[in-house]
Amino acid sequence: MTKRTAILESPAPCCPSILASPLDAEEAAGLALGFTALADPVRLQVLSILAAAPEGEVCVCEFVEPLGKSQPTVSHHLKILADAGLVHGERRSKWVYYSLDRDRLADLRSAIDT
């Protein structure tokens, strides 16, 4: 019997990190805007609520109680997330329903994947 030695290679990532090559100023600014928006506990809670939403969207009014914040404060945080491209809002009558931009979140995730 001959012994075979298996050489294990790291699988190639399906999506190479954005940081695999130098960033230009515009790319760096876009990433910084996204990461800055994530650098707040309330906004991270908002994203977790949206990620867990069975319908994939949440009415702005449904954030107030679980966050323990006033409606204007919730709206402020949602605006920051929307400006960073992390969430989208759709107005329906007097309410706005928010959903995650999963592609934008994936872009940020791939920027830090190694």
Protein backbone atom coordinates (compact mmCIF):
# COMPACT_ATOMS: atom_id res chain seq x y z
CA MET A 1 0.00 0.00 0.00
CA THR A 2 1.26 3.45 -0.85
CA LYS A 3 0.57 6.42 1.32
CA ARG A 4 -0.91 9.48 -0.26
CA THR A 5 -0.38 12.85 1.23
CA ALA A 6 -3.22 15.25 0.74
CA ILE A 7 -2.25 18.82 0.21
CA LEU A 8 -4.93 21.05 1.61
CA GLU A 9 -5.29 24.35 -0.10
CA SER A 10 -7.36 27.24 1.10
CA PRO A 11 -10.42 27.58 -1.06
CA ALA A 12 -10.53 30.73 -3.13
CA PRO A 13 -13.03 33.18 -1.67
CA CYS A 14 -16.15 33.60 -3.73
CA CYS A 15 -15.92 37.35 -3.37
CA PRO A 16 -12.46 38.77 -2.85
CA SER A 17 -12.10 41.41 -0.18
CA ILE A 18 -12.42 44.98 -1.31
CA LEU A 19 -9.22 45.58 0.61
CA ALA A 20 -7.33 43.09 -1.58
CA SER A 21 -6.29 46.04 -3.70
CA PRO A 22 -5.78 49.72 -2.90
CA LEU A 23 -8.95 51.76 -2.49
CA ASP A 24 -9.46 54.99 -4.32
CA ALA A 25 -10.78 57.99 -2.39
CA GLU A 26 -14.39 57.46 -3.49
CA GLU A 27 -14.44 53.78 -2.46
CA ALA A 28 -12.83 54.62 0.88
CA ALA A 29 -15.39 57.36 1.55
CA GLY A 30 -18.27 55.01 0.72
CA LEU A 31 -16.97 52.32 3.05
CA ALA A 32 -16.31 54.84 5.81
CA LEU A 33 -19.88 56.14 5.55
CA GLY A 34 -21.23 52.61 5.96
CA PHE A 35 -18.96 51.68 8.85
CA THR A 36 -19.64 55.00 10.59
CA ALA A 37 -23.37 54.31 10.39
CA LEU A 38 -22.79 50.90 11.98
CA ALA A 39 -20.78 52.38 14.86
CA ASP A 40 -23.78 52.98 17.11
CA PRO A 41 -25.58 50.49 19.37
CA VAL A 42 -29.06 51.75 18.47
CA ARG A 43 -28.38 51.46 14.75
CA LEU A 44 -27.04 47.94 15.23
CA GLN A 45 -30.26 47.09 17.07
CA VAL A 46 -32.27 48.53 14.18
CA LEU A 47 -30.39 46.32 11.73
CA SER A 48 -30.95 43.25 13.90
CA ILE A 49 -34.68 43.97 14.11
CA LEU A 50 -34.85 44.35 10.33
CA ALA A 51 -32.80 41.19 9.76
CA ALA A 52 -35.19 39.21 11.98
CA ALA A 53 -38.40 40.63 10.47
CA PRO A 54 -40.46 37.78 9.01
CA GLU A 55 -41.80 40.02 6.25
CA GLY A 56 -38.40 41.58 5.55
CA GLU A 57 -39.62 45.03 6.48
CA VAL A 58 -40.64 46.96 9.59
CA CYS A 59 -42.83 50.03 10.04
CA VAL A 60 -41.03 52.95 11.64
CA CYS A 61 -43.61 52.87 14.44
CA GLU A 62 -42.54 49.33 15.40
CA PHE A 63 -39.02 50.40 16.40
CA VAL A 64 -40.01 52.73 19.24
CA GLU A 65 -40.86 50.15 21.91
CA PRO A 66 -38.05 47.61 21.40
CA LEU A 67 -35.44 50.37 21.17
CA GLY A 68 -36.83 52.38 24.07
CA LYS A 69 -36.32 55.56 22.05
CA SER A 70 -38.69 58.31 20.95
CA GLN A 71 -40.04 58.30 17.40
CA PRO A 72 -37.91 61.32 16.38
CA THR A 73 -34.78 59.58 17.69
CA VAL A 74 -35.66 56.38 15.82
CA SER A 75 -36.23 58.39 12.65
CA HIS A 76 -32.85 60.09 13.10
CA HIS A 77 -31.07 56.73 13.31
CA LEU A 78 -33.00 55.37 10.33
CA LYS A 79 -32.02 58.43 8.30
CA ILE A 80 -28.34 57.82 9.05
CA LEU A 81 -28.69 54.19 8.00
CA ALA A 82 -30.56 55.21 4.85
CA ASP A 83 -27.99 57.88 3.96
CA ALA A 84 -25.31 55.18 4.25
CA GLY A 85 -27.33 52.96 1.91
CA LEU A 86 -27.88 50.26 4.54
CA VAL A 87 -31.68 50.49 4.64
CA HIS A 88 -34.44 51.60 2.31
CA GLY A 89 -37.66 53.28 3.33
CA GLU A 90 -40.95 53.10 1.48
CA ARG A 91 -43.71 55.53 2.41
CA ARG A 92 -47.18 54.03 2.66
CA SER A 93 -49.80 56.55 3.66
CA LYS A 94 -48.41 58.23 6.80
CA TRP A 95 -45.97 55.43 7.72
CA VAL A 96 -42.58 54.47 6.34
CA TYR A 97 -41.60 50.81 6.10
CA TYR A 98 -37.89 49.99 6.23
CA SER A 99 -35.94 47.06 4.83
CA LEU A 100 -32.28 46.10 4.72
CA ASP A 101 -30.09 46.63 1.69
CA ARG A 102 -28.43 43.23 1.90
CA ASP A 103 -26.14 43.96 -1.05
CA ARG A 104 -24.72 47.04 0.67
CA LEU A 105 -24.21 45.08 3.89
CA ALA A 106 -22.47 42.34 1.89
CA ASP A 107 -20.14 44.98 0.40
CA LEU A 108 -19.15 46.11 3.89
CA ARG A 109 -18.73 42.54 5.06
CA SER A 110 -16.51 41.68 2.11
CA ALA A 111 -14.34 44.72 2.85
CA ILE A 112 -13.26 43.16 6.14
CA ASP A 113 -13.24 39.48 5.15
CA THR A 114 -9.80 38.00 4.90
